Amino acid sequence: MAYTDTSAYGGKNSSEPPSQRVTLTVNTINEAKYKIAVVIYASKSPIVTEILEDNNKTCPIGQLNLLLGISMEQLY
């Protein structure tokens, strides 16, 4: 995990990033036992499915191992 101090952004304005945040790299996420991707927009589901089925490693989501994907339609 990489910890980033973004205090250079300035004050507590809601349009500015928080002064501290955590960045998770693909390697860190891959260390998790369970990973779930929720696709909110129906128009994105076929694209994500294609990336995962084709084992496309050029996209970040394609670099995740043993990913469980679920669309919002499947939740309802």
PDB file of N, CA and C in Angstrom:
ATOM      1  N   MET A   1       0.828  -1.164   0.000  1.00  0.00           N
ATOM      2  CA  MET A   1       0.000   0.000   0.000  1.00  0.00           C
ATOM      3  C   MET A   1       0.880   1.238   0.000  1.00  0.00           C
ATOM      4  N   ALA A   2       0.462   2.228  -0.747  1.00  0.00           N
ATOM      5  CA  ALA A   2       1.202   3.477  -0.793  1.00  0.00           C
ATOM      6  C   ALA A   2       0.386   4.547  -0.077  1.00  0.00           C
ATOM      7  N   TYR A   3       0.999   5.240   0.832  1.00  0.00           N
ATOM      8  CA  TYR A   3       0.338   6.331   1.526  1.00  0.00           C
ATOM      9  C   TYR A   3       0.792   7.631   0.893  1.00  0.00           C
ATOM     10  N   THR A   4      -0.176   8.451   0.518  1.00  0.00           N
ATOM     11  CA  THR A   4       0.134   9.689  -0.177  1.00  0.00           C
ATOM     12  C   THR A   4      -0.319  10.876   0.653  1.00  0.00           C
ATOM     13  N   ASP A   5       0.581  11.787   0.915  1.00  0.00           N
ATOM     14  CA  ASP A   5       0.228  13.027   1.593  1.00  0.00           C
ATOM     15  C   ASP A   5      -0.050  14.054   0.516  1.00  0.00           C
ATOM     16  N   THR A   6      -1.303  14.495   0.448  1.00  0.00           N
ATOM     17  CA  THR A   6      -1.687  15.458  -0.584  1.00  0.00           C
ATOM     18  C   THR A   6      -1.927  16.837   0.005  1.00  0.00           C
ATOM     19  N   SER A   7      -1.211  17.174   1.057  1.00  0.00           N
ATOM     20  CA  SER A   7      -1.428  18.458   1.723  1.00  0.00           C
ATOM     21  C   SER A   7      -1.144  19.635   0.800  1.00  0.00           C
ATOM     22  N   ALA A   8      -0.459  19.412  -0.302  1.00  0.00           N
ATOM     23  CA  ALA A   8      -0.171  20.488  -1.245  1.00  0.00           C
ATOM     24  C   ALA A   8      -1.444  21.008  -1.909  1.00  0.00           C
ATOM     25  N   TYR A   9      -2.546  20.235  -1.845  1.00  0.00           N
ATOM     26  CA  TYR A   9      -3.792  20.660  -2.462  1.00  0.00           C
ATOM     27  C   TYR A   9      -4.454  21.792  -1.693  1.00  0.00           C
ATOM     28  N   GLY A  10      -4.111  21.951  -0.438  1.00  0.00           N
ATOM     29  CA  GLY A  10      -4.660  23.065   0.309  1.00  0.00           C
ATOM     30  C   GLY A  10      -5.667  22.666   1.354  1.00  0.00           C
ATOM     31  N   GLY A  11      -6.677  23.553   1.536  1.00  0.00           N
ATOM     32  CA  GLY A  11      -7.633  23.449   2.633  1.00  0.00           C
ATOM     33  C   GLY A  11      -8.616  22.313   2.552  1.00  0.00           C
ATOM     34  N   LYS A  12      -9.695  22.437   3.333  1.00  0.00           N
ATOM     35  CA  LYS A  12     -10.689  21.386   3.492  1.00  0.00           C
ATOM     36  C   LYS A  12     -11.866  21.549   2.532  1.00  0.00           C
ATOM     37  N   ASN A  13     -11.693  22.287   1.442  1.00  0.00           N
ATOM     38  CA  ASN A  13     -12.753  22.476   0.464  1.00  0.00           C
ATOM     39  C   ASN A  13     -13.182  21.110  -0.061  1.00  0.00           C
ATOM     40  N   SER A  14     -14.502  20.869  -0.189  1.00  0.00           N
ATOM     41  CA  SER A  14     -14.985  19.566  -0.605  1.00  0.00           C
ATOM     42  C   SER A  14     -14.577  19.202  -2.029  1.00  0.00           C
ATOM     43  N   SER A  15     -14.190  20.187  -2.831  1.00  0.00           N
ATOM     44  CA  SER A  15     -13.773  19.877  -4.196  1.00  0.00           C
ATOM     45  C   SER A  15     -12.309  19.458  -4.266  1.00  0.00           C
ATOM     46  N   GLU A  16     -11.626  19.520  -3.138  1.00  0.00           N
ATOM     47  CA  GLU A  16     -10.216  19.148  -3.096  1.00  0.00           C
ATOM     48  C   GLU A  16     -10.066  17.766  -2.464  1.00  0.00           C
ATOM     49  N   PRO A  17      -9.024  17.027  -2.868  1.00  0.00           N
ATOM     50  CA  PRO A  17      -8.798  15.708  -2.261  1.00  0.00           C
ATOM     51  C   PRO A  17      -8.478  15.829  -0.773  1.00  0.00           C
ATOM     52  N   PRO A  18      -8.697  14.768  -0.015  1.00  0.00           N
ATOM     53  CA  PRO A  18      -8.355  14.808   1.412  1.00  0.00           C
ATOM     54  C   PRO A  18      -6.852  14.976   1.595  1.00  0.00           C
ATOM     55  N   SER A  19      -6.460  15.430   2.775  1.00  0.00           N
ATOM     56  CA  SER A  19      -5.040  15.674   3.016  1.00  0.00           C
ATOM     57  C   SER A  19      -4.242  14.377   3.046  1.00  0.00           C
ATOM     58  N   GLN A  20      -4.887  13.259   3.394  1.00  0.00           N
ATOM     59  CA  GLN A  20      -4.220  11.963   3.372  1.00  0.00           C
ATOM     60  C   GLN A  20      -5.172  10.945   2.770  1.00  0.00           C
ATOM     61  N   ARG A  21      -4.617  10.030   2.001  1.00  0.00           N
ATOM     62  CA  ARG A  21      -5.434   8.968   1.425  1.00  0.00           C
ATOM     63  C   ARG A  21      -4.586   7.727   1.225  1.00  0.00           C
ATOM     64  N   VAL A  22      -5.234   6.621   0.984  1.00  0.00           N
ATOM     65  CA  VAL A  22      -4.550   5.353   0.772  1.00  0.00           C
ATOM     66  C   VAL A  22      -4.725   4.968  -0.694  1.00  0.00           C
ATOM     67  N   THR A  23      -3.649   4.571  -1.333  1.00  0.00           N
ATOM     68  CA  THR A  23      -3.689   4.102  -2.712  1.00  0.00           C
ATOM     69  C   THR A  23      -3.411   2.606  -2.718  1.00  0.00           C
ATOM     70  N   LEU A  24      -4.296   1.855  -3.342  1.00  0.00           N
ATOM     71  CA  LEU A  24      -4.117   0.411  -3.450  1.00  0.00           C
ATOM     72  C   LEU A  24      -3.623   0.088  -4.858  1.00  0.00           C
ATOM     73  N   THR A  25      -2.511  -0.602  -4.934  1.00  0.00           N
ATOM     74  CA  THR A  25      -1.978  -1.002  -6.230  1.00  0.00           C
ATOM     75  C   THR A  25      -2.617  -2.323  -6.658  1.00  0.00           C
ATOM     76  N   VAL A  26      -2.473  -2.667  -7.936  1.00  0.00           N
ATOM     77  CA  VAL A  26      -3.005  -3.932  -8.429  1.00  0.00           C
ATOM     78  C   VAL A  26      -2.408  -5.102  -7.639  1.00  0.00           C
ATOM     79  N   ASN A  27      -1.122  -5.056  -7.353  1.00  0.00           N
ATOM     80  CA  ASN A  27      -0.488  -6.132  -6.580  1.00  0.00           C
ATOM     81  C   ASN A  27      -1.098  -6.260  -5.195  1.00  0.00           C
ATOM     82  N   THR A  28      -1.373  -5.145  -4.543  1.00  0.00           N
ATOM     83  CA  THR A  28      -1.981  -5.173  -3.211  1.00  0.00           C
ATOM     84  C   THR A  28      -3.385  -5.759  -3.280  1.00  0.00           C
ATOM     85  N   ILE A  29      -4.152  -5.347  -4.273  1.00  0.00           N
ATOM     86  CA  ILE A  29      -5.508  -5.880  -4.425  1.00  0.00           C
ATOM     87  C   ILE A  29      -5.458  -7.372  -4.708  1.00  0.00           C
ATOM     88  N   ASN A  30      -4.510  -7.803  -5.537  1.00  0.00           N
ATOM     89  CA  ASN A  30      -4.394  -9.227  -5.865  1.00  0.00           C
ATOM     90  C   ASN A  30      -4.037 -10.080  -4.656  1.00  0.00           C
ATOM     91  N   GLU A  31      -3.467  -9.493  -3.616  1.00  0.00           N
ATOM     92  CA  GLU A  31      -3.155 -10.235  -2.398  1.00  0.00           C
ATOM     93  C   GLU A  31      -4.401 -10.547  -1.573  1.00  0.00           C
ATOM     94  N   ALA A  32      -5.498  -9.847  -1.850  1.00  0.00           N
ATOM     95  CA  ALA A  32      -6.738 -10.091  -1.114  1.00  0.00           C
ATOM     96  C   ALA A  32      -7.296 -11.461  -1.479  1.00  0.00           C
ATOM     97  N   LYS A  33      -7.888 -12.121  -0.522  1.00  0.00           N
ATOM     98  CA  LYS A  33      -8.459 -13.446  -0.765  1.00  0.00           C
ATOM     99  C   LYS A  33      -9.661 -13.355  -1.700  1.00  0.00           C
ATOM    100  N   TYR A  34     -10.503 -12.355  -1.498  1.00  0.00           N
ATOM    101  CA  TYR A  34     -11.701 -12.165  -2.315  1.00  0.00           C
ATOM    102  C   TYR A  34     -11.683 -10.781  -2.934  1.00  0.00           C
ATOM    103  N   LYS A  35     -12.043 -10.722  -4.200  1.00  0.00           N
ATOM    104  CA  LYS A  35     -12.140  -9.451  -4.909  1.00  0.00           C
ATOM    105  C   LYS A  35     -13.465  -9.432  -5.666  1.00  0.00           C
ATOM    106  N   ILE A  36     -14.205  -8.361  -5.554  1.00  0.00           N
ATOM    107  CA  ILE A  36     -15.492  -8.235  -6.226  1.00  0.00           C
ATOM    108  C   ILE A  36     -15.507  -6.930  -7.007  1.00  0.00           C
ATOM    109  N   ALA A  37     -15.934  -7.007  -8.257  1.00  0.00           N
ATOM    110  CA  ALA A  37     -16.115  -5.804  -9.061  1.00  0.00           C
ATOM    111  C   ALA A  37     -17.609  -5.640  -9.298  1.00  0.00           C
ATOM    112  N   VAL A  38     -18.140  -4.498  -8.950  1.00  0.00           N
ATOM    113  CA  VAL A  38     -19.549  -4.199  -9.183  1.00  0.00           C
ATOM    114  C   VAL A  38     -19.621  -3.225 -10.343  1.00  0.00           C
ATOM    115  N   VAL A  39     -20.317  -3.619 -11.393  1.00  0.00           N
ATOM    116  CA  VAL A  39     -20.496  -2.774 -12.561  1.00  0.00           C
ATOM    117  C   VAL A  39     -21.846  -2.102 -12.435  1.00  0.00           C
ATOM    118  N   ILE A  40     -21.844  -0.791 -12.266  1.00  0.00           N
ATOM    119  CA  ILE A  40     -23.075  -0.057 -11.980  1.00  0.00           C
ATOM    120  C   ILE A  40     -23.911   0.175 -13.234  1.00  0.00           C
ATOM    121  N   TYR A  41     -23.292   0.558 -14.314  1.00  0.00           N
ATOM    122  CA  TYR A  41     -24.042   0.900 -15.523  1.00  0.00           C
ATOM    123  C   TYR A  41     -24.132  -0.310 -16.449  1.00  0.00           C
ATOM    124  N   ALA A  42     -25.333  -0.642 -16.893  1.00  0.00           N
ATOM    125  CA  ALA A  42     -25.546  -1.797 -17.768  1.00  0.00           C
ATOM    126  C   ALA A  42     -24.724  -1.684 -19.041  1.00  0.00           C
ATOM    127  N   SER A  43     -24.483  -0.475 -19.507  1.00  0.00           N
ATOM    128  CA  SER A  43     -23.718  -0.290 -20.744  1.00  0.00           C
ATOM    129  C   SER A  43     -22.248  -0.685 -20.575  1.00  0.00           C
ATOM    130  N   LYS A  44     -21.758  -0.714 -19.349  1.00  0.00           N
ATOM    131  CA  LYS A  44     -20.352  -1.077 -19.089  1.00  0.00           C
ATOM    132  C   LYS A  44     -20.163  -2.582 -18.902  1.00  0.00           C
ATOM    133  N   SER A  45     -21.210  -3.291 -18.546  1.00  0.00           N
ATOM    134  CA  SER A  45     -21.100  -4.713 -18.252  1.00  0.00           C
ATOM    135  C   SER A  45     -20.511  -5.530 -19.399  1.00  0.00           C
ATOM    136  N   PRO A  46     -20.962  -5.344 -20.649  1.00  0.00           N
ATOM    137  CA  PRO A  46     -20.361  -6.129 -21.736  1.00  0.00           C
ATOM    138  C   PRO A  46     -18.873  -5.837 -21.931  1.00  0.00           C
ATOM    139  N   ILE A  47     -18.472  -4.604 -21.715  1.00  0.00           N
ATOM    140  CA  ILE A  47     -17.069  -4.228 -21.886  1.00  0.00           C
ATOM    141  C   ILE A  47     -16.215  -4.926 -20.830  1.00  0.00           C
ATOM    142  N   VAL A  48     -16.656  -4.880 -19.584  1.00  0.00           N
ATOM    143  CA  VAL A  48     -15.909  -5.516 -18.497  1.00  0.00           C
ATOM    144  C   VAL A  48     -15.878  -7.026 -18.704  1.00  0.00           C
ATOM    145  N   THR A  49     -16.999  -7.616 -19.106  1.00  0.00           N
ATOM    146  CA  THR A  49     -17.050  -9.047 -19.377  1.00  0.00           C
ATOM    147  C   THR A  49     -16.057  -9.424 -20.474  1.00  0.00           C
ATOM    148  N   GLU A  50     -16.012  -8.637 -21.532  1.00  0.00           N
ATOM    149  CA  GLU A  50     -15.083  -8.905 -22.637  1.00  0.00           C
ATOM    150  C   GLU A  50     -13.631  -8.843 -22.166  1.00  0.00           C
ATOM    151  N   ILE A  51     -13.315  -7.842 -21.362  1.00  0.00           N
ATOM    152  CA  ILE A  51     -11.943  -7.706 -20.842  1.00  0.00           C
ATOM    153  C   ILE A  51     -11.560  -8.929 -20.014  1.00  0.00           C
ATOM    154  N   LEU A  52     -12.466  -9.362 -19.145  1.00  0.00           N
ATOM    155  CA  LEU A  52     -12.173 -10.495 -18.274  1.00  0.00           C
ATOM    156  C   LEU A  52     -12.111 -11.813 -19.048  1.00  0.00           C
ATOM    157  N   GLU A  53     -13.022 -12.009 -20.002  1.00  0.00           N
ATOM    158  CA  GLU A  53     -13.027 -13.256 -20.773  1.00  0.00           C
ATOM    159  C   GLU A  53     -11.822 -13.364 -21.698  1.00  0.00           C
ATOM    160  N   ASP A  54     -11.383 -12.224 -22.258  1.00  0.00           N
ATOM    161  CA  ASP A  54     -10.238 -12.222 -23.174  1.00  0.00           C
ATOM    162  C   ASP A  54      -8.908 -12.172 -22.435  1.00  0.00           C
ATOM    163  N   ASN A  55      -8.977 -12.104 -21.094  1.00  0.00           N
ATOM    164  CA  ASN A  55      -7.761 -12.017 -20.279  1.00  0.00           C
ATOM    165  C   ASN A  55      -6.906 -10.827 -20.723  1.00  0.00           C
ATOM    166  N   ASN A  56      -7.572  -9.696 -20.951  1.00  0.00           N
ATOM    167  CA  ASN A  56      -6.923  -8.475 -21.421  1.00  0.00           C
ATOM    168  C   ASN A  56      -6.184  -7.809 -20.263  1.00  0.00           C
ATOM    169  N   LYS A  57      -4.864  -7.874 -20.282  1.00  0.00           N
ATOM    170  CA  LYS A  57      -4.050  -7.323 -19.191  1.00  0.00           C
ATOM    171  C   LYS A  57      -3.717  -5.842 -19.388  1.00  0.00           C
ATOM    172  N   THR A  58      -4.176  -5.226 -20.478  1.00  0.00           N
ATOM    173  CA  THR A  58      -3.870  -3.808 -20.699  1.00  0.00           C
ATOM    174  C   THR A  58      -4.749  -2.900 -19.845  1.00  0.00           C
ATOM    175  N   CYS A  59      -5.893  -3.406 -19.393  1.00  0.00           N
ATOM    176  CA  CYS A  59      -6.783  -2.636 -18.526  1.00  0.00           C
ATOM    177  C   CYS A  59      -6.561  -3.064 -17.078  1.00  0.00           C
ATOM    178  N   PRO A  60      -6.611  -2.129 -16.137  1.00  0.00           N
ATOM    179  CA  PRO A  60      -6.371  -2.485 -14.731  1.00  0.00           C
ATOM    180  C   PRO A  60      -7.274  -3.611 -14.224  1.00  0.00           C
ATOM    181  N   ILE A  61      -8.544  -3.601 -14.597  1.00  0.00           N
ATOM    182  CA  ILE A  61      -9.437  -4.654 -14.089  1.00  0.00           C
ATOM    183  C   ILE A  61      -9.033  -6.018 -14.638  1.00  0.00           C
ATOM    184  N   GLY A  62      -8.420  -6.055 -15.791  1.00  0.00           N
ATOM    185  CA  GLY A  62      -7.957  -7.302 -16.376  1.00  0.00           C
ATOM    186  C   GLY A  62      -6.724  -7.861 -15.689  1.00  0.00           C
ATOM    187  N   GLN A  63      -6.096  -7.060 -14.844  1.00  0.00           N
ATOM    188  CA  GLN A  63      -4.888  -7.485 -14.136  1.00  0.00           C
ATOM    189  C   GLN A  63      -5.194  -8.111 -12.778  1.00  0.00           C
ATOM    190  N   LEU A  64      -6.475  -8.133 -12.415  1.00  0.00           N
ATOM    191  CA  LEU A  64      -6.860  -8.703 -11.127  1.00  0.00           C
ATOM    192  C   LEU A  64      -7.077 -10.200 -11.262  1.00  0.00           C
ATOM    193  N   ASN A  65      -6.530 -10.969 -10.336  1.00  0.00           N
ATOM    194  CA  ASN A  65      -6.654 -12.423 -10.340  1.00  0.00           C
ATOM    195  C   ASN A  65      -7.878 -12.861  -9.550  1.00  0.00           C
ATOM    196  N   LEU A  66      -8.535 -13.918 -10.032  1.00  0.00           N
ATOM    197  CA  LEU A  66      -9.674 -14.521  -9.333  1.00  0.00           C
ATOM    198  C   LEU A  66     -10.715 -13.480  -8.934  1.00  0.00           C
ATOM    199  N   LEU A  67     -11.129 -12.700  -9.904  1.00  0.00           N
ATOM    200  CA  LEU A  67     -12.085 -11.618  -9.666  1.00  0.00           C
ATOM    201  C   LEU A  67     -13.505 -12.129  -9.831  1.00  0.00           C
ATOM    202  N   LEU A  68     -14.367 -11.808  -8.890  1.00  0.00           N
ATOM    203  CA  LEU A  68     -15.789 -12.102  -9.001  1.00  0.00           C
ATOM    204  C   LEU A  68     -16.464 -10.830  -9.475  1.00  0.00           C
ATOM    205  N   GLY A  69     -17.104 -10.893 -10.618  1.00  0.00           N
ATOM    206  CA  GLY A  69     -17.774  -9.708 -11.160  1.00  0.00           C
ATOM    207  C   GLY A  69     -19.281  -9.844 -10.994  1.00  0.00           C
ATOM    208  N   ILE A  70     -19.935  -8.738 -10.715  1.00  0.00           N
ATOM    209  CA  ILE A  70     -21.384  -8.742 -10.554  1.00  0.00           C
ATOM    210  C   ILE A  70     -21.928  -7.422 -11.106  1.00  0.00           C
ATOM    211  N   SER A  71     -23.020  -7.499 -11.810  1.00  0.00           N
ATOM    212  CA  SER A  71     -23.640  -6.287 -12.328  1.00  0.00           C
ATOM    213  C   SER A  71     -24.783  -5.892 -11.398  1.00  0.00           C
ATOM    214  N   MET A  72     -25.210  -4.664 -11.476  1.00  0.00           N
ATOM    215  CA  MET A  72     -26.289  -4.182 -10.610  1.00  0.00           C
ATOM    216  C   MET A  72     -27.582  -4.943 -10.902  1.00  0.00           C
ATOM    217  N   GLU A  73     -27.792  -5.368 -12.155  1.00  0.00           N
ATOM    218  CA  GLU A  73     -28.994  -6.124 -12.497  1.00  0.00           C
ATOM    219  C   GLU A  73     -29.047  -7.446 -11.732  1.00  0.00           C
ATOM    220  N   GLN A  74     -27.891  -8.033 -11.469  1.00  0.00           N
ATOM    221  CA  GLN A  74     -27.841  -9.299 -10.746  1.00  0.00           C
ATOM    222  C   GLN A  74     -28.168  -9.124  -9.263  1.00  0.00           C
ATOM    223  N   LEU A  75     -28.047  -7.902  -8.760  1.00  0.00           N
ATOM    224  CA  LEU A  75     -28.330  -7.654  -7.345  1.00  0.00           C
ATOM    225  C   LEU A  75     -29.822  -7.545  -7.072  1.00  0.00           C
ATOM    226  N   TYR A  76     -30.589  -7.237  -8.091  1.00  0.00           N
ATOM    227  CA  TYR A  76     -32.034  -7.022  -7.908  1.00  0.00           C
ATOM    228  C   TYR A  76     -32.853  -8.146  -8.458  1.00  0.00           C
TER     229      TYR A  76
END
